[in-house]
Amino acid sequence: MSDLLYSEVEEDLRASVRDLFADQAPAAAVLARTESDEPYDLKLWRTLVGELGAAGLAVPERLGGQGASAREVAVVMEELGRAVVPVPFLGSAVLATSALLGAGEAELLPRLAAGELIGALAVPLTTSPGTAFASSVRANDGVLNGRISTVADAAVADVLVVPASGPNGLELYTVDGEAAVVTEVTPLDLTRRLADVVLDDVPARLVAGPDRAPAALEGALTFGAGMLASEQLGVAQWCLDETVSYVRQRYQFGRPVGSFQALKHRLADVYLELVGARAAARYAADTLATGDPDVQIAVAVAQSSCASVAVHAAEEAIQLHGGIGMTWEHPAHLYLKRAKSGELALGTPGRHRAHLATLIDLAP
């Protein structure tokens, strides 16, 4: 039976990550960085990886990782959602690492786990698990040509994990990040950077052939979608906590606005949605950690619900903060943008519901 409660180890990890973010990435610093020439906080990334070992949580100890599980990765993702810090955790520690684990690659994983390298999975961020994947990159004798749009964290990636169409089917390659032409695009979410990647006769190293690459890619997308649900949970939790705190302090007509019945009902609705989202996200993380046969169903349920809950919580946060919630100086807009961009990332809620219908044999 799945255990949806947080273990003592998970709570300790949460406390460490939250303390780190509170110290090095308060809201004012995150806001300032979105307008700077260095949108990624690589100093924070090195601390997160070097002192807490976050990049290697899902990597076995024999490969230089922490030998933890998806449950611990999900806790870090929750805190990333609460703080919306601009670090390449999703692209490197989640997507690229899980793809290489699925491919059985052992050379790069220790360096990714140690933070010596930053990785990125070269697929559009909107790519959903459970759907046929058609690569825009062609492989010919270890040389890659093609273009991939909106790749998460590619701008700071030292190594790209690239699915490519070979003569016998889908293959998985690694490419030196400097060998590709990487052009940042302007994202909705300024705390998660996207880039277009062009490969023009770029030499690459094969890590998985057609016998293994499709499963490795599908596993990485499924793992990423499951972890993204936990991030969306963190976004929603911050929005609810901050809004409740604000309406307790904001007075109108001589009383806190939070005492007005209409506002109570709206916040109660968000709370109830959040409780369901937490159960779904935790179940997805647990099935990914244990290899449960229901993993695809759990991830589809989590993504189809958590994405919408995060958007609703962020919208309510902005509206119930009143005028200040509409300003650039308040961080609420960062959470709405993360929630809206996350709603598209790794499959929309509608796409996950459609996939869920096929998994449980629900007639259209």
Protein backbone atom coordinates (compact mmCIF):
# COMPACT_ATOMS: atom_id res chain seq x y z
CA MET A 1 0.00 0.00 0.00
CA SER A 2 1.28 3.46 -0.89
CA ASP A 3 2.37 5.75 1.92
CA LEU A 4 1.40 9.33 1.12
CA LEU A 5 2.82 10.78 4.32
CA TYR A 6 6.21 12.48 4.37
CA SER A 7 8.95 10.55 6.10
CA GLU A 8 11.27 12.10 8.67
CA VAL A 9 14.08 12.06 6.11
CA GLU A 10 11.89 13.86 3.59
CA GLU A 11 10.91 16.50 6.13
CA ASP A 12 14.56 17.05 7.03
CA LEU A 13 15.39 17.45 3.35
CA ARG A 14 12.52 19.90 2.95
CA ALA A 15 13.73 21.98 5.88
CA SER A 16 17.26 22.15 4.48
CA VAL A 17 16.11 23.18 1.00
CA ARG A 18 13.63 25.73 2.34
CA ASP A 19 16.24 27.28 4.62
CA LEU A 20 18.67 27.52 1.72
CA PHE A 21 16.12 29.24 -0.51
CA ALA A 22 15.03 31.61 2.25
CA ASP A 23 18.65 32.62 2.83
CA GLN A 24 19.92 32.86 -0.75
CA ALA A 25 16.80 33.34 -2.89
CA PRO A 26 14.19 35.51 -1.16
CA ALA A 27 11.38 36.84 -3.32
CA ALA A 28 13.06 40.22 -3.84
CA ALA A 29 16.22 38.55 -5.14
CA VAL A 30 14.27 36.31 -7.52
CA LEU A 31 12.36 39.31 -8.86
CA ALA A 32 15.57 41.25 -9.40
CA ARG A 33 17.22 38.34 -11.20
CA THR A 34 14.40 38.05 -13.73
CA GLU A 35 15.40 41.48 -15.02
CA SER A 36 19.15 40.92 -14.91
CA ASP A 37 21.62 39.68 -17.49
CA GLU A 38 22.08 36.47 -15.49
CA PRO A 39 18.61 34.94 -15.11
CA TYR A 40 19.94 31.66 -13.70
CA ASP A 41 21.19 31.61 -10.14
CA LEU A 42 24.12 29.26 -10.70
CA LYS A 43 25.67 30.08 -7.31
CA LEU A 44 22.53 28.80 -5.64
CA TRP A 45 22.54 25.82 -7.98
CA ARG A 46 26.08 24.89 -6.92
CA THR A 47 25.09 25.12 -3.26
CA LEU A 48 21.96 23.06 -3.82
CA VAL A 49 23.99 20.41 -5.60
CA GLY A 50 27.24 20.57 -3.65
CA GLU A 51 25.95 20.87 -0.09
CA LEU A 52 22.59 19.09 -0.34
CA GLY A 53 23.35 16.64 -3.15
CA ALA A 54 20.03 17.47 -4.80
CA ALA A 55 21.14 16.74 -8.37
CA GLY A 56 22.04 13.16 -7.48
CA LEU A 57 19.01 12.18 -5.43
CA ALA A 58 17.67 9.80 -8.08
CA VAL A 59 21.12 8.50 -9.08
CA PRO A 60 22.32 5.22 -7.49
CA GLU A 61 25.25 5.42 -5.09
CA ARG A 62 27.37 3.22 -7.38
CA LEU A 63 27.13 6.03 -9.96
CA GLY A 64 28.02 8.78 -7.52
CA GLY A 65 24.50 9.75 -6.50
CA GLN A 66 22.56 9.77 -3.25
CA GLY A 67 20.64 6.56 -3.96
CA ALA A 68 17.36 8.14 -2.87
CA SER A 69 14.08 7.95 -4.78
CA ALA A 70 11.44 9.94 -6.59
CA ARG A 71 9.86 10.80 -3.24
CA GLU A 72 12.89 12.86 -2.23
CA VAL A 73 13.11 14.48 -5.66
CA ALA A 74 9.44 15.41 -5.32
CA VAL A 75 10.12 17.16 -2.01
CA VAL A 76 12.79 19.31 -3.67
CA MET A 77 10.39 20.06 -6.52
CA GLU A 78 7.76 21.20 -4.02
CA GLU A 79 10.21 23.66 -2.51
CA LEU A 80 11.26 24.84 -5.96
CA GLY A 81 7.60 25.57 -6.62
CA ARG A 82 7.26 27.47 -3.35
CA ALA A 83 10.28 29.64 -4.12
CA VAL A 84 10.24 29.68 -7.98
CA VAL A 85 14.03 29.93 -7.92
CA PRO A 86 15.72 30.02 -11.35
CA VAL A 87 17.89 26.90 -11.23
CA PRO A 88 18.10 24.14 -13.88
CA PHE A 89 16.77 21.38 -11.65
CA LEU A 90 13.97 20.20 -13.94
CA GLY A 91 16.13 20.09 -17.05
CA SER A 92 19.22 18.55 -15.48
CA ALA A 93 18.40 16.61 -12.30
CA VAL A 94 15.01 15.38 -13.50
CA LEU A 95 14.71 15.08 -17.29
CA ALA A 96 18.29 14.60 -18.50
CA THR A 97 19.30 12.43 -15.55
CA SER A 98 16.29 10.13 -15.80
CA ALA A 99 16.77 9.74 -19.57
CA LEU A 100 20.39 8.68 -19.05
CA LEU A 101 19.39 6.34 -16.25
CA GLY A 102 16.88 4.71 -18.57
CA ALA A 103 19.52 4.41 -21.26
CA GLY A 104 21.94 2.72 -18.86
CA GLU A 105 24.56 5.42 -19.40
CA ALA A 106 27.22 5.44 -16.68
CA GLU A 107 29.85 7.91 -17.88
CA LEU A 108 28.02 11.22 -17.50
CA LEU A 109 25.71 10.43 -14.59
CA PRO A 110 28.36 10.79 -11.84
CA ARG A 111 29.29 14.23 -13.19
CA LEU A 112 25.65 15.32 -13.39
CA ALA A 113 25.03 14.04 -9.88
CA ALA A 114 28.05 15.93 -8.55
CA GLY A 115 27.06 19.15 -10.31
CA GLU A 116 30.17 19.16 -12.49
CA LEU A 117 27.87 19.25 -15.52
CA ILE A 118 24.41 20.63 -16.20
CA GLY A 119 22.26 18.61 -18.55
CA ALA A 120 19.13 19.20 -20.60
CA LEU A 121 16.81 16.82 -22.44
CA ALA A 122 16.52 18.23 -25.95
CA VAL A 123 12.79 17.94 -26.50
CA PRO A 124 10.17 20.72 -26.54
CA LEU A 125 9.02 21.36 -22.99
CA THR A 126 5.43 20.74 -24.08
CA THR A 127 6.22 17.12 -25.01
CA SER A 128 3.85 14.79 -23.17
CA PRO A 129 4.40 11.19 -22.05
CA GLY A 130 2.07 8.60 -23.51
CA THR A 131 2.09 10.04 -27.03
CA ALA A 132 4.05 9.09 -30.12
CA PHE A 133 7.29 11.05 -30.26
CA ALA A 134 8.59 12.22 -33.62
CA SER A 135 12.08 13.66 -33.42
CA SER A 136 13.00 16.68 -35.51
CA VAL A 137 16.66 15.61 -35.37
CA ARG A 138 18.22 13.16 -37.80
CA ALA A 139 21.19 10.96 -36.98
CA ASN A 140 23.65 9.72 -39.60
CA ASP A 141 26.84 7.90 -38.57
CA GLY A 142 27.01 9.70 -35.24
CA VAL A 143 26.36 13.14 -36.68
CA LEU A 144 23.17 15.04 -35.81
CA ASN A 145 21.22 17.61 -37.80
CA GLY A 146 17.99 19.30 -36.79
CA ARG A 147 16.28 21.91 -34.66
CA ILE A 148 14.46 21.58 -31.35
CA SER A 149 12.37 24.44 -30.01
CA THR A 150 11.64 25.51 -26.41
CA VAL A 151 14.08 23.24 -24.58
CA ALA A 152 14.09 23.81 -20.83
CA ASP A 153 17.44 24.86 -19.33
CA ALA A 154 19.35 24.40 -22.58
CA ALA A 155 20.91 27.85 -22.22
CA VAL A 156 23.14 26.69 -19.36
CA ALA A 157 23.49 23.03 -20.32
CA ASP A 158 26.96 21.56 -20.68
CA VAL A 159 25.53 18.41 -22.22
CA LEU A 160 22.39 17.83 -24.25
CA VAL A 161 20.58 14.49 -24.27
CA VAL A 162 19.11 14.33 -27.77
CA PRO A 163 16.52 11.88 -29.12
CA ALA A 164 17.16 11.48 -32.85
CA SER A 165 15.73 9.48 -35.70
CA GLY A 166 18.26 6.96 -36.95
CA PRO A 167 18.03 4.51 -39.86
CA ASN A 168 16.42 1.88 -37.62
CA GLY A 169 14.28 4.07 -35.36
CA LEU A 170 14.61 6.38 -32.40
CA GLU A 171 18.06 6.65 -30.81
CA LEU A 172 19.42 8.62 -27.88
CA TYR A 173 22.62 10.67 -28.11
CA THR A 174 24.62 13.04 -25.95
CA VAL A 175 26.03 16.24 -27.41
CA ASP A 176 28.45 18.81 -26.05
CA GLY A 177 26.37 21.90 -25.28
CA GLU A 178 28.95 24.19 -26.89
CA ALA A 179 28.68 22.32 -30.18
CA ALA A 180 25.03 23.32 -30.59
CA VAL A 181 23.65 26.73 -31.46
CA VAL A 182 21.46 27.64 -28.48
CA THR A 183 19.25 30.70 -28.71
CA GLU A 184 17.16 31.80 -25.77
CA VAL A 185 13.52 32.64 -26.41
CA THR A 186 11.42 34.97 -24.29
CA PRO A 187 9.38 32.75 -22.00
CA LEU A 188 6.17 33.54 -20.14
CA ASP A 189 7.85 32.26 -16.98
CA LEU A 190 11.02 34.28 -16.48
CA THR A 191 12.20 31.89 -13.76
CA ARG A 192 12.31 28.88 -16.12
CA ARG A 193 14.27 29.66 -19.24
CA LEU A 194 13.65 28.14 -22.65
CA ALA A 195 15.87 28.00 -25.70
CA ASP A 196 15.84 26.80 -29.29
CA VAL A 197 18.61 24.36 -30.16
CA VAL A 198 20.07 23.94 -33.65
CA LEU A 199 22.34 21.02 -34.49
CA ASP A 200 24.28 21.39 -37.72
CA ASP A 201 26.54 18.41 -38.44
CA VAL A 202 27.23 18.07 -34.73
CA PRO A 203 29.18 14.98 -33.59
CA ALA A 204 27.35 12.99 -30.94
CA ARG A 205 27.80 9.92 -28.78
CA LEU A 206 25.22 7.16 -28.95
CA VAL A 207 23.93 6.11 -25.52
CA ALA A 208 20.85 4.07 -26.51
CA GLY A 209 19.79 2.42 -29.72
CA PRO A 210 16.27 1.77 -31.02
CA ASP A 211 15.88 -1.16 -28.61
CA ARG A 212 16.23 1.03 -25.54
CA ALA A 213 15.83 4.70 -26.50
CA PRO A 214 12.00 4.86 -26.77
CA ALA A 215 11.55 3.40 -23.28
CA ALA A 216 14.24 5.68 -21.85
CA LEU A 217 12.60 8.76 -23.34
CA GLU A 218 9.12 7.74 -22.24
CA GLY A 219 10.42 7.01 -18.75
CA ALA A 220 12.07 10.43 -18.55
CA LEU A 221 8.91 12.23 -19.68
CA THR A 222 6.78 10.25 -17.24
CA PHE A 223 9.20 10.94 -14.39
CA GLY A 224 9.33 14.61 -15.33
CA ALA A 225 5.55 14.93 -15.44
CA GLY A 226 5.22 13.23 -12.06
CA MET A 227 7.80 15.54 -10.50
CA LEU A 228 6.26 18.60 -12.12
CA ALA A 229 3.02 17.79 -10.27
CA SER A 230 4.90 18.24 -6.99
CA GLU A 231 6.29 21.56 -8.17
CA GLN A 232 2.76 22.68 -9.03
CA LEU A 233 1.70 21.61 -5.54
CA GLY A 234 4.41 23.87 -4.09
CA VAL A 235 3.23 26.79 -6.23
CA ALA A 236 -0.34 26.35 -5.04
CA GLN A 237 0.73 26.02 -1.40
CA TRP A 238 2.70 29.28 -1.49
CA CYS A 239 -0.21 31.09 -3.11
CA LEU A 240 -2.66 29.88 -0.47
CA ASP A 241 -0.33 30.56 2.47
CA GLU A 242 0.56 34.07 1.31
CA THR A 243 -3.03 34.97 0.51
CA VAL A 244 -4.35 33.78 3.87
CA SER A 245 -1.62 35.78 5.60
CA TYR A 246 -2.45 38.88 3.57
CA VAL A 247 -6.23 38.86 4.10
CA ARG A 248 -5.68 38.52 7.83
CA GLN A 249 -3.67 41.75 7.86
CA ARG A 250 -5.59 43.82 5.30
CA TYR A 251 -8.39 45.80 6.90
CA GLN A 252 -11.52 47.30 5.38
CA PHE A 253 -14.44 48.81 7.28
CA GLY A 254 -12.57 48.21 10.53
CA ARG A 255 -12.16 44.44 10.11
CA PRO A 256 -9.78 42.04 8.34
CA VAL A 257 -10.95 41.33 4.79
CA GLY A 258 -10.31 37.66 5.50
CA SER A 259 -13.34 37.71 7.81
CA PHE A 260 -15.67 38.40 4.88
CA GLN A 261 -17.66 35.29 4.03
CA ALA A 262 -17.14 35.51 0.27
CA LEU A 263 -13.35 35.50 0.68
CA LYS A 264 -13.51 32.65 3.17
CA HIS A 265 -15.41 30.53 0.66
CA ARG A 266 -12.93 31.24 -2.12
CA LEU A 267 -9.95 30.34 0.02
CA ALA A 268 -11.73 27.25 1.34
CA ASP A 269 -12.23 26.09 -2.26
CA VAL A 270 -8.50 26.50 -2.95
CA TYR A 271 -7.67 24.60 0.24
CA LEU A 272 -9.90 21.67 -0.71
CA GLU A 273 -8.38 21.55 -4.19
CA LEU A 274 -4.92 21.64 -2.64
CA VAL A 275 -5.67 18.68 -0.39
CA GLY A 276 -6.69 16.59 -3.40
CA ALA A 277 -3.69 17.77 -5.40
CA ARG A 278 -1.33 16.80 -2.59
CA ALA A 279 -2.73 13.28 -2.49
CA ALA A 280 -2.41 12.94 -6.26
CA ALA A 281 1.15 14.31 -6.37
CA ARG A 282 2.30 12.17 -3.46
CA TYR A 283 0.80 9.05 -5.00
CA ALA A 284 2.55 9.78 -8.30
CA ALA A 285 5.87 10.26 -6.49
CA ASP A 286 5.40 7.05 -4.52
CA THR A 287 4.57 4.95 -7.59
CA LEU A 288 7.61 6.34 -9.39
CA ALA A 289 9.76 5.51 -6.37
CA THR A 290 8.51 1.93 -6.05
CA GLY A 291 8.03 1.05 -9.71
CA ASP A 292 4.34 0.44 -9.12
CA PRO A 293 2.46 -0.85 -12.21
CA ASP A 294 -0.01 2.03 -11.77
CA VAL A 295 2.68 4.64 -12.38
CA GLN A 296 1.31 5.93 -15.69
CA ILE A 297 -2.19 6.23 -14.26
CA ALA A 298 -0.88 7.98 -11.15
CA VAL A 299 1.15 10.48 -13.17
CA ALA A 300 -1.74 11.21 -15.52
CA VAL A 301 -4.09 11.81 -12.58
CA ALA A 302 -1.54 14.04 -10.82
CA GLN A 303 -0.78 16.17 -13.86
CA SER A 304 -4.40 16.50 -14.93
CA SER A 305 -5.29 17.90 -11.50
CA CYS A 306 -2.22 19.64 -10.03
CA ALA A 307 -1.67 21.92 -13.02
CA SER A 308 -5.19 23.32 -12.82
CA VAL A 309 -5.04 23.69 -9.05
CA ALA A 310 -1.81 25.70 -9.29
CA VAL A 311 -3.33 28.06 -11.85
CA HIS A 312 -6.50 28.57 -9.79
CA ALA A 313 -4.51 29.20 -6.60
CA ALA A 314 -2.28 31.72 -8.36
CA GLU A 315 -5.24 33.54 -9.91
CA GLU A 316 -6.94 33.78 -6.53
CA ALA A 317 -3.71 35.01 -4.94
CA ILE A 318 -3.45 37.89 -7.39
CA GLN A 319 -7.11 38.85 -7.11
CA LEU A 320 -7.33 38.60 -3.32
CA HIS A 321 -4.16 40.63 -2.87
CA GLY A 322 -6.04 43.47 -4.54
CA GLY A 323 -4.06 46.24 -6.19
CA ILE A 324 -0.70 45.11 -4.87
CA GLY A 325 -1.19 41.70 -6.44
CA MET A 326 -1.22 43.32 -9.88
CA THR A 327 2.12 45.06 -9.44
CA TRP A 328 5.48 43.90 -10.80
CA GLU A 329 7.06 44.49 -7.38
CA HIS A 330 4.97 41.78 -5.72
CA PRO A 331 6.05 38.18 -6.50
CA ALA A 332 2.51 36.90 -7.14
CA HIS A 333 2.89 37.32 -10.91
CA LEU A 334 5.89 34.98 -10.88
CA TYR A 335 3.70 32.24 -9.45
CA LEU A 336 0.92 32.78 -11.96
CA LYS A 337 3.44 32.63 -14.80
CA ARG A 338 5.05 29.48 -13.38
CA ALA A 339 1.60 27.93 -12.97
CA LYS A 340 0.47 28.84 -16.50
CA SER A 341 3.70 27.69 -18.13
CA GLY A 342 3.64 24.53 -16.02
CA GLU A 343 0.13 23.86 -17.29
CA LEU A 344 1.62 23.47 -20.78
CA ALA A 345 4.84 21.71 -19.74
CA LEU A 346 5.07 17.96 -20.34
CA GLY A 347 1.47 17.82 -21.48
CA THR A 348 -1.63 19.86 -20.76
CA PRO A 349 -4.26 18.64 -18.27
CA GLY A 350 -6.51 17.79 -21.20
CA ARG A 351 -3.83 15.69 -22.85
CA HIS A 352 -3.17 13.83 -19.61
CA ARG A 353 -6.89 13.19 -19.15
CA ALA A 354 -7.08 11.80 -22.69
CA HIS A 355 -4.09 9.55 -21.96
CA LEU A 356 -5.70 8.48 -18.68
CA ALA A 357 -8.85 7.46 -20.57
CA THR A 358 -6.83 5.08 -22.74
CA LEU A 359 -5.03 3.65 -19.70
CA ILE A 360 -8.26 2.74 -17.90
CA ASP A 361 -10.16 1.72 -21.07
CA LEU A 362 -12.61 4.58 -20.82
CA ALA A 363 -14.59 4.92 -24.04
CA PRO A 364 -14.34 8.33 -25.74
